[in-house]
Structure formats: C-alpha cells, structure tokens
C-alpha cells in the first residue's frame, strides 16, 4: 500500500516537472522563434531569462523607429492600443 502511494507521488512529481518545463522553457522560446524579436529585446527586466509573461507580452507587440532627444530609438508598443512598452536607443 505504501509503495503504491510513493509510486503515485513519483508520477505526480514527474507530471508537475513536465508542466513546469513546458511552461517556463518551451512556450517562451517557441514564441521567441516565431516572432520578430531577439532575446535581448524580449527580456524586459534584463534578467537574461525570458519568463512566459514576457514572451506572451511581446508576442502581441510591434516595434517602430522613433527619434528621442536627437537619437534614433526603437519603441516597442502594444498592438491593441499603441502604448509604448520599452524604448531602446542606439
């Protein structure tokens, strides 16, 4: 009886681990591969790790060239309302 319980816990842990790997690695990087943005552009907080929320957010955004303080910059914006997410100047 106890061995069946531990076996169940082992399988539950493996399923949980699979879901975590899928959510934190496969989804963000599959969005990254299908989108026009680079890893550096998607990493909003510069943590060198793309979270699922960052990947999803950039999946629904575009980029446009703007001029800010005499510099050429790239502004990332939301498609739905045009609000700027991030501005990167050269």
N, C-alpha and C. Protein backbone atom coordinates (compact mmCIF):
# COMPACT_ATOMS: atom_id res chain seq x y z
N UNK A 1 0.81 -1.19 0.00
CA UNK A 1 0.00 0.00 0.00
C UNK A 1 0.86 1.26 0.00
N UNK A 2 1.88 1.28 0.85
CA UNK A 2 2.76 2.45 0.92
C UNK A 2 3.56 2.60 -0.36
N UNK A 3 4.00 1.50 -0.95
CA UNK A 3 4.78 1.60 -2.18
C UNK A 3 3.93 2.16 -3.32
N UNK A 4 2.64 1.86 -3.37
CA UNK A 4 1.76 2.42 -4.39
C UNK A 4 1.61 3.93 -4.19
N UNK A 5 1.55 4.34 -2.93
CA UNK A 5 1.44 5.77 -2.62
C UNK A 5 2.69 6.51 -3.10
N UNK A 6 3.87 5.97 -2.80
CA UNK A 6 5.11 6.62 -3.23
C UNK A 6 5.25 6.58 -4.75
N UNK A 7 4.79 5.54 -5.36
CA UNK A 7 4.79 5.46 -6.82
C UNK A 7 3.90 6.56 -7.40
N UNK A 8 2.73 6.75 -6.80
CA UNK A 8 1.82 7.81 -7.22
C UNK A 8 2.46 9.18 -7.05
N UNK A 9 3.15 9.39 -5.91
CA UNK A 9 3.84 10.66 -5.69
C UNK A 9 4.93 10.88 -6.72
N UNK A 10 5.63 9.82 -7.07
CA UNK A 10 6.68 9.94 -8.08
C UNK A 10 6.13 10.34 -9.43
N UNK A 11 5.04 9.71 -9.84
CA UNK A 11 4.42 10.06 -11.12
C UNK A 11 3.85 11.47 -11.09
N UNK A 12 3.27 11.84 -9.97
CA UNK A 12 2.73 13.19 -9.83
C UNK A 12 3.84 14.23 -9.95
N UNK A 13 4.96 13.95 -9.32
CA UNK A 13 6.10 14.86 -9.40
C UNK A 13 6.61 14.97 -10.83
N UNK A 14 6.69 13.86 -11.54
CA UNK A 14 7.17 13.89 -12.92
C UNK A 14 6.22 14.69 -13.83
N UNK A 15 4.93 14.53 -13.61
CA UNK A 15 3.96 15.30 -14.40
C UNK A 15 4.11 16.79 -14.07
N UNK A 16 4.23 17.12 -12.80
CA UNK A 16 4.42 18.50 -12.39
C UNK A 16 5.70 19.08 -13.01
N UNK A 17 6.78 18.33 -12.96
CA UNK A 17 8.04 18.76 -13.54
C UNK A 17 7.90 18.99 -15.05
N UNK A 18 7.17 18.12 -15.72
CA UNK A 18 6.93 18.29 -17.15
C UNK A 18 6.15 19.56 -17.45
N UNK A 19 5.15 19.85 -16.65
CA UNK A 19 4.35 21.07 -16.84
C UNK A 19 5.22 22.31 -16.61
N UNK A 20 6.04 22.28 -15.58
CA UNK A 20 6.92 23.43 -15.30
C UNK A 20 7.91 23.64 -16.44
N UNK A 21 8.52 22.59 -16.92
CA UNK A 21 9.47 22.71 -18.03
C UNK A 21 8.76 23.25 -19.27
N UNK A 22 7.58 22.73 -19.55
CA UNK A 22 6.81 23.19 -20.71
C UNK A 22 6.49 24.67 -20.58
N UNK A 23 6.01 25.09 -19.40
CA UNK A 23 5.57 26.46 -19.20
C UNK A 23 6.72 27.46 -19.22
N UNK A 24 7.84 27.12 -18.58
CA UNK A 24 8.93 28.09 -18.44
C UNK A 24 9.99 28.02 -19.53
N UNK A 25 10.01 26.95 -20.33
CA UNK A 25 11.05 26.87 -21.34
C UNK A 25 10.49 26.71 -22.75
N UNK A 26 9.59 25.80 -22.96
CA UNK A 26 9.13 25.53 -24.32
C UNK A 26 8.24 26.64 -24.84
N UNK A 27 7.28 27.11 -24.06
CA UNK A 27 6.38 28.17 -24.53
C UNK A 27 7.13 29.47 -24.84
N UNK A 28 7.94 30.01 -23.92
CA UNK A 28 8.61 31.27 -24.25
C UNK A 28 9.54 31.18 -25.45
N UNK A 29 10.29 30.10 -25.55
CA UNK A 29 11.24 30.01 -26.64
C UNK A 29 10.58 29.66 -27.97
N UNK A 30 9.43 28.99 -27.94
CA UNK A 30 8.72 28.77 -29.20
C UNK A 30 8.12 30.08 -29.69
N UNK A 31 7.65 30.92 -28.78
CA UNK A 31 7.17 32.25 -29.18
C UNK A 31 8.34 33.08 -29.70
N UNK A 32 9.47 32.96 -29.06
CA UNK A 32 10.67 33.69 -29.49
C UNK A 32 11.05 33.31 -30.91
N UNK A 33 11.00 32.03 -31.23
CA UNK A 33 11.40 31.57 -32.56
C UNK A 33 10.43 32.01 -33.65
N UNK A 34 9.16 32.18 -33.31
CA UNK A 34 8.17 32.56 -34.32
C UNK A 34 7.99 34.07 -34.44
N UNK A 35 8.56 34.84 -33.52
CA UNK A 35 8.37 36.29 -33.53
C UNK A 35 9.57 37.02 -34.12
N UNK A 36 9.39 38.33 -34.37
CA UNK A 36 10.45 39.12 -34.99
C UNK A 36 11.45 39.71 -33.98
N UNK A 37 11.35 39.35 -32.71
CA UNK A 37 12.18 39.97 -31.69
C UNK A 37 13.34 39.06 -31.26
N UNK A 38 14.41 39.69 -30.79
CA UNK A 38 15.56 38.94 -30.29
C UNK A 38 15.41 38.71 -28.78
N UNK A 39 16.26 37.86 -28.24
CA UNK A 39 16.24 37.58 -26.80
C UNK A 39 16.43 38.85 -26.00
N UNK A 40 17.35 39.69 -26.40
CA UNK A 40 17.62 40.93 -25.68
C UNK A 40 16.42 41.86 -25.71
N UNK A 41 15.70 41.88 -26.83
CA UNK A 41 14.53 42.74 -26.94
C UNK A 41 13.37 42.26 -26.06
N UNK A 42 13.20 40.95 -25.96
CA UNK A 42 12.09 40.40 -25.19
C UNK A 42 12.33 40.47 -23.70
N UNK A 43 13.57 40.42 -23.28
CA UNK A 43 13.91 40.43 -21.85
C UNK A 43 13.70 41.83 -21.28
N UNK A 44 12.49 42.10 -20.80
CA UNK A 44 12.10 43.43 -20.36
C UNK A 44 12.91 43.89 -19.15
N UNK A 45 13.12 43.01 -18.19
CA UNK A 45 13.82 43.40 -16.96
C UNK A 45 15.32 43.08 -16.99
N UNK A 46 15.85 42.73 -18.16
CA UNK A 46 17.29 42.45 -18.35
C UNK A 46 17.82 41.40 -17.38
N UNK A 47 17.04 40.35 -17.16
CA UNK A 47 17.46 39.30 -16.24
C UNK A 47 18.15 38.13 -16.96
N UNK A 48 18.28 38.21 -18.27
CA UNK A 48 18.85 37.14 -19.11
C UNK A 48 18.01 35.87 -19.08
N UNK A 49 16.77 35.99 -18.67
CA UNK A 49 15.84 34.86 -18.64
C UNK A 49 14.48 35.38 -19.10
N UNK A 50 13.91 34.73 -20.10
CA UNK A 50 12.61 35.15 -20.60
C UNK A 50 11.53 34.37 -19.88
N UNK A 51 10.67 35.09 -19.18
CA UNK A 51 9.55 34.45 -18.50
C UNK A 51 8.40 34.28 -19.49
N UNK A 52 7.49 33.38 -19.20
CA UNK A 52 6.33 33.22 -20.10
C UNK A 52 5.54 34.51 -20.29
N UNK A 53 5.44 35.32 -19.24
CA UNK A 53 4.68 36.57 -19.38
C UNK A 53 5.40 37.56 -20.31
N UNK A 54 6.73 37.61 -20.25
CA UNK A 54 7.47 38.48 -21.17
C UNK A 54 7.30 38.01 -22.61
N UNK A 55 7.39 36.72 -22.82
CA UNK A 55 7.24 36.19 -24.17
C UNK A 55 5.84 36.44 -24.71
N UNK A 56 4.84 36.22 -23.89
CA UNK A 56 3.46 36.45 -24.33
C UNK A 56 3.21 37.93 -24.60
N UNK A 57 3.76 38.78 -23.76
CA UNK A 57 3.58 40.21 -23.92
C UNK A 57 4.17 40.68 -25.25
N UNK A 58 5.36 40.20 -25.58
CA UNK A 58 6.00 40.62 -26.82
C UNK A 58 5.36 39.97 -28.05
N UNK A 59 4.71 38.86 -27.84
CA UNK A 59 4.02 38.22 -28.96
C UNK A 59 2.90 39.12 -29.48
N UNK A 60 2.34 39.96 -28.64
CA UNK A 60 1.24 40.85 -29.02
C UNK A 60 1.71 42.29 -29.19
N UNK A 61 2.97 42.49 -29.47
CA UNK A 61 3.53 43.83 -29.62
C UNK A 61 4.31 43.97 -30.92
N UNK A 62 4.47 45.22 -31.33
CA UNK A 62 5.28 45.52 -32.51
C UNK A 62 6.38 46.49 -32.13
N UNK A 63 7.16 46.89 -33.13
CA UNK A 63 8.21 47.86 -32.87
C UNK A 63 8.22 48.90 -33.98
N UNK A 64 8.61 50.11 -33.61
CA UNK A 64 8.67 51.21 -34.58
C UNK A 64 9.87 52.09 -34.23
N UNK A 65 10.42 52.75 -35.24
CA UNK A 65 11.55 53.66 -35.07
C UNK A 65 11.01 55.03 -34.68
N UNK A 66 11.62 55.63 -33.66
CA UNK A 66 11.26 56.99 -33.24
C UNK A 66 12.54 57.77 -33.01
N UNK A 67 12.40 59.09 -32.86
CA UNK A 67 13.55 59.92 -32.51
C UNK A 67 13.29 60.51 -31.13
N UNK A 68 14.25 60.32 -30.24
CA UNK A 68 14.10 60.80 -28.86
C UNK A 68 15.40 61.49 -28.45
N UNK A 69 15.31 62.76 -28.10
CA UNK A 69 16.48 63.56 -27.71
C UNK A 69 17.58 63.53 -28.76
N UNK A 70 17.20 63.57 -30.02
CA UNK A 70 18.16 63.57 -31.11
C UNK A 70 18.76 62.21 -31.44
N UNK A 71 18.31 61.16 -30.78
CA UNK A 71 18.82 59.81 -31.03
C UNK A 71 17.75 58.98 -31.72
N UNK A 72 18.19 58.06 -32.55
CA UNK A 72 17.27 57.12 -33.17
C UNK A 72 17.01 55.98 -32.20
N UNK A 73 15.75 55.74 -31.90
CA UNK A 73 15.38 54.73 -30.91
C UNK A 73 14.37 53.76 -31.51
N UNK A 74 14.30 52.60 -30.91
CA UNK A 74 13.28 51.62 -31.25
C UNK A 74 12.30 51.55 -30.09
N UNK A 75 11.04 51.76 -30.42
CA UNK A 75 9.99 51.72 -29.40
C UNK A 75 9.14 50.48 -29.62
N UNK A 76 8.94 49.71 -28.57
CA UNK A 76 8.10 48.52 -28.61
C UNK A 76 6.74 48.91 -28.05
N UNK A 77 5.68 48.57 -28.79
CA UNK A 77 4.35 49.05 -28.42
C UNK A 77 3.32 47.93 -28.51
N UNK A 78 2.19 48.12 -27.82
CA UNK A 78 1.09 47.16 -27.84
C UNK A 78 0.28 47.36 -29.11
N UNK A 79 -0.05 46.27 -29.80
CA UNK A 79 -0.89 46.37 -30.99
C UNK A 79 -2.29 46.88 -30.66
N UNK A 80 -2.81 46.48 -29.51
CA UNK A 80 -4.21 46.80 -29.21
C UNK A 80 -4.46 48.28 -28.96
N UNK A 81 -3.51 48.99 -28.34
CA UNK A 81 -3.77 50.39 -28.03
C UNK A 81 -2.60 51.34 -28.35
N UNK A 82 -1.48 50.83 -28.83
CA UNK A 82 -0.36 51.67 -29.22
C UNK A 82 0.49 52.17 -28.07
N UNK A 83 0.24 51.71 -26.85
CA UNK A 83 1.00 52.15 -25.68
C UNK A 83 2.42 51.58 -25.74
N UNK A 84 3.42 52.43 -25.47
CA UNK A 84 4.82 52.00 -25.50
C UNK A 84 5.13 51.09 -24.32
N UNK A 85 5.86 50.01 -24.60
CA UNK A 85 6.29 49.08 -23.56
C UNK A 85 7.72 49.37 -23.14
N UNK A 86 8.58 49.57 -24.13
CA UNK A 86 10.01 49.71 -23.87
C UNK A 86 10.60 50.52 -25.00
N UNK A 87 11.56 51.38 -24.69
CA UNK A 87 12.26 52.16 -25.70
C UNK A 87 13.75 51.90 -25.56
N UNK A 88 14.39 51.56 -26.67
CA UNK A 88 15.82 51.27 -26.68
C UNK A 88 16.47 52.21 -27.68
N UNK A 89 17.41 53.03 -27.20
CA UNK A 89 18.11 53.98 -28.05
C UNK A 89 19.51 53.46 -28.39
N UNK A 90 19.95 53.79 -29.56
CA UNK A 90 21.27 53.33 -30.03
C UNK A 90 22.38 54.19 -29.50
